[in-house]
């Protein structure tokens, strides 16, 4: 039996990752669970982050190999804390994330709702005093609590607006951060 065949599937690195190690550790390789997440706030490489892309209820860290911060709305790899997943086979299970079958069903529903919601937002933009859909979405990417335009534009934002915005962007907006008006001349 070769040396490689004698090695255990369990690795010292995985067992000790996240701790200070002694000098007896040798070179190793490990698997880490990752999940694509949309940042809700500005995040830094290696920063603790929740499953929803916020700093609440951390379940892992922002991709530590990034060379720049992640801006709100950008997608990044969430690296799940070691030894917290309940299954790993390149498809993994963790209590903070839904099962893959649930995710696929949710994705199908989201794609349908997202298209309907985008249409609703486009109609809102064209029938209200905002420059256009793209400018409106750009203003919201800068601030949901105080969205404003450099051009002309003032419009009340109805409560249902935020459900459509969340469906299109995948970003959950806290009630405290939901503006009631767009305005111009920031």
C-alpha atoms as a PDB file:
ATOM      1  CA  UNK A   1       0.000   0.000   0.000  1.00  0.00           C
ATOM      2  CA  UNK A   2       1.408   3.359  -0.985  1.00  0.00           C
ATOM      3  CA  UNK A   3       1.907   6.208   1.498  1.00  0.00           C
ATOM      4  CA  UNK A   4      -0.942   8.131  -0.171  1.00  0.00           C
ATOM      5  CA  UNK A   5      -3.322   5.182   0.278  1.00  0.00           C
ATOM      6  CA  UNK A   6      -2.488   4.965   4.011  1.00  0.00           C
ATOM      7  CA  UNK A   7      -3.547   8.566   4.665  1.00  0.00           C
ATOM      8  CA  UNK A   8      -6.799   9.220   6.468  1.00  0.00           C
ATOM      9  CA  UNK A   9      -9.628  11.184   4.892  1.00  0.00           C
ATOM     10  CA  UNK A  10      -9.632  13.277   8.078  1.00  0.00           C
ATOM     11  CA  UNK A  11      -6.927  15.921   7.963  1.00  0.00           C
ATOM     12  CA  UNK A  12      -5.061  17.643  10.773  1.00  0.00           C
ATOM     13  CA  UNK A  13      -5.491  20.977   8.996  1.00  0.00           C
ATOM     14  CA  UNK A  14      -9.289  20.773   8.988  1.00  0.00           C
ATOM     15  CA  UNK A  15      -9.357  19.709  12.633  1.00  0.00           C
ATOM     16  CA  UNK A  16      -7.136  22.620  13.680  1.00  0.00           C
ATOM     17  CA  UNK A  17      -8.091  25.360  11.200  1.00  0.00           C
ATOM     18  CA  UNK A  18      -8.966  28.499  13.136  1.00  0.00           C
ATOM     19  CA  UNK A  19      -6.669  27.643  16.014  1.00  0.00           C
ATOM     20  CA  UNK A  20      -2.992  28.256  16.733  1.00  0.00           C
ATOM     21  CA  UNK A  21      -1.087  25.135  15.653  1.00  0.00           C
ATOM     22  CA  UNK A  22       2.098  23.619  17.026  1.00  0.00           C
ATOM     23  CA  UNK A  23       5.259  22.862  15.058  1.00  0.00           C
ATOM     24  CA  UNK A  24       4.284  19.250  14.348  1.00  0.00           C
ATOM     25  CA  UNK A  25       1.751  20.073  11.644  1.00  0.00           C
ATOM     26  CA  UNK A  26       2.710  19.154   8.103  1.00  0.00           C
ATOM     27  CA  UNK A  27       1.560  20.377   4.721  1.00  0.00           C
ATOM     28  CA  UNK A  28      -2.093  19.538   4.017  1.00  0.00           C
ATOM     29  CA  UNK A  29      -5.057  20.419   1.825  1.00  0.00           C
ATOM     30  CA  UNK A  30      -8.643  20.969   2.900  1.00  0.00           C
ATOM     31  CA  UNK A  31     -12.129  21.599   1.564  1.00  0.00           C
ATOM     32  CA  UNK A  32     -14.036  24.633   2.782  1.00  0.00           C
ATOM     33  CA  UNK A  33     -17.738  25.146   2.130  1.00  0.00           C
ATOM     34  CA  UNK A  34     -18.501  28.336   0.204  1.00  0.00           C
ATOM     35  CA  UNK A  35     -21.760  30.001  -0.777  1.00  0.00           C
ATOM     36  CA  UNK A  36     -22.380  32.905  -3.187  1.00  0.00           C
ATOM     37  CA  UNK A  37     -23.863  35.853  -1.274  1.00  0.00           C
ATOM     38  CA  UNK A  38     -24.874  39.428  -2.154  1.00  0.00           C
ATOM     39  CA  UNK A  39     -23.388  42.004   0.233  1.00  0.00           C
ATOM     40  CA  UNK A  40     -25.933  44.140   2.067  1.00  0.00           C
ATOM     41  CA  UNK A  41     -23.239  46.439   3.450  1.00  0.00           C
ATOM     42  CA  UNK A  42     -19.591  47.220   2.688  1.00  0.00           C
ATOM     43  CA  UNK A  43     -17.571  44.153   3.705  1.00  0.00           C
ATOM     44  CA  UNK A  44     -13.862  43.478   3.892  1.00  0.00           C
ATOM     45  CA  UNK A  45     -11.942  40.318   2.969  1.00  0.00           C
ATOM     46  CA  UNK A  46     -11.881  37.957   5.945  1.00  0.00           C
ATOM     47  CA  UNK A  47     -14.634  39.867   7.794  1.00  0.00           C
ATOM     48  CA  UNK A  48     -17.232  37.824   9.700  1.00  0.00           C
ATOM     49  CA  UNK A  49     -20.519  37.783   7.770  1.00  0.00           C
ATOM     50  CA  UNK A  50     -23.995  36.291   8.003  1.00  0.00           C
ATOM     51  CA  UNK A  51     -25.738  34.058   5.488  1.00  0.00           C
ATOM     52  CA  UNK A  52     -27.736  37.081   4.305  1.00  0.00           C
ATOM     53  CA  UNK A  53     -24.653  39.174   3.419  1.00  0.00           C
ATOM     54  CA  UNK A  54     -24.956  41.374   6.508  1.00  0.00           C
ATOM     55  CA  UNK A  55     -22.801  41.550   9.620  1.00  0.00           C
ATOM     56  CA  UNK A  56     -25.604  39.928  11.636  1.00  0.00           C
ATOM     57  CA  UNK A  57     -25.434  36.315  12.853  1.00  0.00           C
ATOM     58  CA  UNK A  58     -22.089  35.423  11.224  1.00  0.00           C
ATOM     59  CA  UNK A  59     -21.709  31.928   9.797  1.00  0.00           C
ATOM     60  CA  UNK A  60     -18.412  32.502   7.981  1.00  0.00           C
ATOM     61  CA  UNK A  61     -16.115  35.086   6.453  1.00  0.00           C
ATOM     62  CA  UNK A  62     -15.915  37.138   3.280  1.00  0.00           C
ATOM     63  CA  UNK A  63     -13.584  35.549   0.719  1.00  0.00           C
ATOM     64  CA  UNK A  64     -10.197  36.218   2.367  1.00  0.00           C
ATOM     65  CA  UNK A  65      -8.433  36.218  -1.002  1.00  0.00           C
ATOM     66  CA  UNK A  66     -10.196  39.324  -2.304  1.00  0.00           C
ATOM     67  CA  UNK A  67      -7.914  42.321  -2.695  1.00  0.00           C
ATOM     68  CA  UNK A  68     -10.594  44.987  -2.216  1.00  0.00           C
ATOM     69  CA  UNK A  69     -13.726  45.478  -0.112  1.00  0.00           C
ATOM     70  CA  UNK A  70     -17.072  44.156  -1.323  1.00  0.00           C
ATOM     71  CA  UNK A  71     -19.579  46.935  -2.030  1.00  0.00           C
ATOM     72  CA  UNK A  72     -23.286  46.625  -1.172  1.00  0.00           C
ATOM     73  CA  UNK A  73     -25.033  44.706  -3.934  1.00  0.00           C
ATOM     74  CA  UNK A  74     -21.887  42.907  -5.138  1.00  0.00           C
ATOM     75  CA  UNK A  75     -21.692  39.119  -5.027  1.00  0.00           C
ATOM     76  CA  UNK A  76     -18.867  37.341  -3.178  1.00  0.00           C
ATOM     77  CA  UNK A  77     -17.943  33.921  -1.798  1.00  0.00           C
ATOM     78  CA  UNK A  78     -18.953  33.415   1.819  1.00  0.00           C
ATOM     79  CA  UNK A  79     -16.475  30.917   3.299  1.00  0.00           C
ATOM     80  CA  UNK A  80     -18.373  28.927   5.940  1.00  0.00           C
ATOM     81  CA  UNK A  81     -16.658  28.511   9.319  1.00  0.00           C
ATOM     82  CA  UNK A  82     -14.779  25.193   9.544  1.00  0.00           C
ATOM     83  CA  UNK A  83     -16.434  22.330  11.440  1.00  0.00           C
ATOM     84  CA  UNK A  84     -19.914  23.934  11.295  1.00  0.00           C
ATOM     85  CA  UNK A  85     -21.352  22.271   8.198  1.00  0.00           C
ATOM     86  CA  UNK A  86     -23.222  19.033   8.769  1.00  0.00           C
ATOM     87  CA  UNK A  87     -22.317  17.348   5.484  1.00  0.00           C
ATOM     88  CA  UNK A  88     -19.637  17.851   2.819  1.00  0.00           C
ATOM     89  CA  UNK A  89     -19.388  16.212  -0.595  1.00  0.00           C
ATOM     90  CA  UNK A  90     -18.837  19.316  -2.682  1.00  0.00           C
ATOM     91  CA  UNK A  91     -22.556  19.728  -1.998  1.00  0.00           C
ATOM     92  CA  UNK A  92     -22.905  20.654   1.638  1.00  0.00           C
ATOM     93  CA  UNK A  93     -25.548  21.191   4.295  1.00  0.00           C
ATOM     94  CA  UNK A  94     -25.514  23.915   6.960  1.00  0.00           C
ATOM     95  CA  UNK A  95     -28.324  24.997   9.284  1.00  0.00           C
ATOM     96  CA  UNK A  96     -28.157  28.640   8.090  1.00  0.00           C
ATOM     97  CA  UNK A  97     -28.830  27.714   4.435  1.00  0.00           C
ATOM     98  CA  UNK A  98     -31.779  25.943   2.813  1.00  0.00           C
ATOM     99  CA  UNK A  99     -31.339  22.547   1.195  1.00  0.00           C
ATOM    100  CA  UNK A 100     -30.396  22.619  -2.522  1.00  0.00           C
ATOM    101  CA  UNK A 101     -33.814  21.333  -3.666  1.00  0.00           C
ATOM    102  CA  UNK A 102     -35.464  24.145  -1.682  1.00  0.00           C
ATOM    103  CA  UNK A 103     -33.027  26.626  -3.213  1.00  0.00           C
ATOM    104  CA  UNK A 104     -33.812  25.491  -6.772  1.00  0.00           C
ATOM    105  CA  UNK A 105     -37.558  25.794  -6.147  1.00  0.00           C
ATOM    106  CA  UNK A 106     -37.026  29.218  -4.590  1.00  0.00           C
ATOM    107  CA  UNK A 107     -34.814  30.234  -7.539  1.00  0.00           C
ATOM    108  CA  UNK A 108     -37.526  29.287 -10.052  1.00  0.00           C
ATOM    109  CA  UNK A 109     -40.096  31.297  -8.100  1.00  0.00           C
ATOM    110  CA  UNK A 110     -37.644  34.191  -7.692  1.00  0.00           C
ATOM    111  CA  UNK A 111     -36.857  34.279 -11.421  1.00  0.00           C
ATOM    112  CA  UNK A 112     -40.582  34.494 -12.195  1.00  0.00           C
ATOM    113  CA  UNK A 113     -41.235  37.109  -9.501  1.00  0.00           C
ATOM    114  CA  UNK A 114     -38.081  39.014 -10.398  1.00  0.00           C
ATOM    115  CA  UNK A 115     -39.286  39.454 -13.991  1.00  0.00           C
ATOM    116  CA  UNK A 116     -42.708  40.597 -12.813  1.00  0.00           C
ATOM    117  CA  UNK A 117     -41.109  42.858 -10.214  1.00  0.00           C
ATOM    118  CA  UNK A 118     -38.703  44.378 -12.715  1.00  0.00           C
ATOM    119  CA  UNK A 119     -41.663  45.166 -14.973  1.00  0.00           C
ATOM    120  CA  UNK A 120     -43.476  46.759 -11.996  1.00  0.00           C
ATOM    121  CA  UNK A 121     -40.400  48.880 -11.167  1.00  0.00           C
ATOM    122  CA  UNK A 122     -39.968  49.938 -14.803  1.00  0.00           C
ATOM    123  CA  UNK A 123     -43.621  51.004 -14.938  1.00  0.00           C
ATOM    124  CA  UNK A 124     -43.177  52.871 -11.642  1.00  0.00           C
ATOM    125  CA  UNK A 125     -40.152  54.719 -13.063  1.00  0.00           C
ATOM    126  CA  UNK A 126     -41.923  55.641 -16.294  1.00  0.00           C
ATOM    127  CA  UNK A 127     -45.100  56.852 -14.561  1.00  0.00           C
ATOM    128  CA  UNK A 128     -43.429  58.850 -11.779  1.00  0.00           C
ATOM    129  CA  UNK A 129     -41.090  61.817 -11.618  1.00  0.00           C
ATOM    130  CA  UNK A 130     -37.813  59.882 -11.739  1.00  0.00           C
ATOM    131  CA  UNK A 131     -35.284  60.130 -14.606  1.00  0.00           C
ATOM    132  CA  UNK A 132     -35.564  56.453 -15.667  1.00  0.00           C
ATOM    133  CA  UNK A 133     -35.384  52.869 -14.354  1.00  0.00           C
ATOM    134  CA  UNK A 134     -31.575  52.630 -14.508  1.00  0.00           C
ATOM    135  CA  UNK A 135     -31.084  55.955 -12.699  1.00  0.00           C
ATOM    136  CA  UNK A 136     -33.614  54.929 -10.077  1.00  0.00           C
ATOM    137  CA  UNK A 137     -31.868  51.595  -9.422  1.00  0.00           C
ATOM    138  CA  UNK A 138     -28.469  53.310  -9.343  1.00  0.00           C
ATOM    139  CA  UNK A 139     -29.729  55.836  -6.789  1.00  0.00           C
ATOM    140  CA  UNK A 140     -31.007  52.952  -4.639  1.00  0.00           C
ATOM    141  CA  UNK A 141     -27.675  51.115  -4.907  1.00  0.00           C
ATOM    142  CA  UNK A 142     -26.067  54.171  -3.300  1.00  0.00           C
ATOM    143  CA  UNK A 143     -28.672  54.539  -0.548  1.00  0.00           C
ATOM    144  CA  UNK A 144     -32.071  52.994   0.104  1.00  0.00           C
ATOM    145  CA  UNK A 145     -32.720  55.362   3.006  1.00  0.00           C
ATOM    146  CA  UNK A 146     -31.985  58.552   1.024  1.00  0.00           C
ATOM    147  CA  UNK A 147     -32.120  57.803  -2.728  1.00  0.00           C
ATOM    148  CA  UNK A 148     -31.536  60.884  -4.830  1.00  0.00           C
ATOM    149  CA  UNK A 149     -30.730  61.929  -8.381  1.00  0.00           C
ATOM    150  CA  UNK A 150     -28.402  64.507  -9.827  1.00  0.00           C
ATOM    151  CA  UNK A 151     -31.126  65.204 -12.412  1.00  0.00           C
ATOM    152  CA  UNK A 152     -34.686  66.243 -11.767  1.00  0.00           C
ATOM    153  CA  UNK A 153     -36.851  63.779  -9.947  1.00  0.00           C
ATOM    154  CA  UNK A 154     -39.123  63.645  -6.940  1.00  0.00           C
ATOM    155  CA  UNK A 155     -41.516  60.784  -6.242  1.00  0.00           C
ATOM    156  CA  UNK A 156     -43.243  59.148  -3.302  1.00  0.00           C
ATOM    157  CA  UNK A 157     -42.225  55.524  -2.765  1.00  0.00           C
ATOM    158  CA  UNK A 158     -45.176  53.251  -1.884  1.00  0.00           C
ATOM    159  CA  UNK A 159     -44.648  50.368   0.580  1.00  0.00           C
ATOM    160  CA  UNK A 160     -45.112  47.720  -2.146  1.00  0.00           C
ATOM    161  CA  UNK A 161     -42.157  49.230  -4.039  1.00  0.00           C
ATOM    162  CA  UNK A 162     -39.726  47.597  -1.613  1.00  0.00           C
ATOM    163  CA  UNK A 163     -41.051  44.058  -2.198  1.00  0.00           C
ATOM    164  CA  UNK A 164     -40.401  44.489  -5.924  1.00  0.00           C
ATOM    165  CA  UNK A 165     -36.968  46.035  -5.316  1.00  0.00           C
ATOM    166  CA  UNK A 166     -35.967  43.105  -3.068  1.00  0.00           C
ATOM    167  CA  UNK A 167     -37.220  40.557  -5.631  1.00  0.00           C
ATOM    168  CA  UNK A 168     -35.155  42.162  -8.415  1.00  0.00           C
ATOM    169  CA  UNK A 169     -31.952  42.811  -6.462  1.00  0.00           C
ATOM    170  CA  UNK A 170     -32.003  39.952  -3.969  1.00  0.00           C
ATOM    171  CA  UNK A 171     -31.162  42.504  -1.266  1.00  0.00           C
ATOM    172  CA  UNK A 172     -33.336  42.626   1.838  1.00  0.00           C
ATOM    173  CA  UNK A 173     -33.904  46.228   2.945  1.00  0.00           C
ATOM    174  CA  UNK A 174     -34.648  46.835   6.623  1.00  0.00           C
ATOM    175  CA  UNK A 175     -37.774  48.887   7.319  1.00  0.00           C
ATOM    176  CA  UNK A 176     -35.619  51.641   8.860  1.00  0.00           C
ATOM    177  CA  UNK A 177     -33.672  51.918   5.581  1.00  0.00           C
ATOM    178  CA  UNK A 178     -36.727  52.189   3.298  1.00  0.00           C
ATOM    179  CA  UNK A 179     -37.091  55.730   2.015  1.00  0.00           C
ATOM    180  CA  UNK A 180     -40.551  57.153   1.428  1.00  0.00           C
ATOM    181  CA  UNK A 181     -39.447  59.568  -1.326  1.00  0.00           C
ATOM    182  CA  UNK A 182     -36.935  59.944  -4.146  1.00  0.00           C
ATOM    183  CA  UNK A 183     -35.471  63.422  -4.392  1.00  0.00           C
ATOM    184  CA  UNK A 184     -33.141  65.365  -6.647  1.00  0.00           C
ATOM    185  CA  UNK A 185     -30.060  67.519  -6.086  1.00  0.00           C
ATOM    186  CA  UNK A 186     -28.250  65.383  -3.534  1.00  0.00           C
END
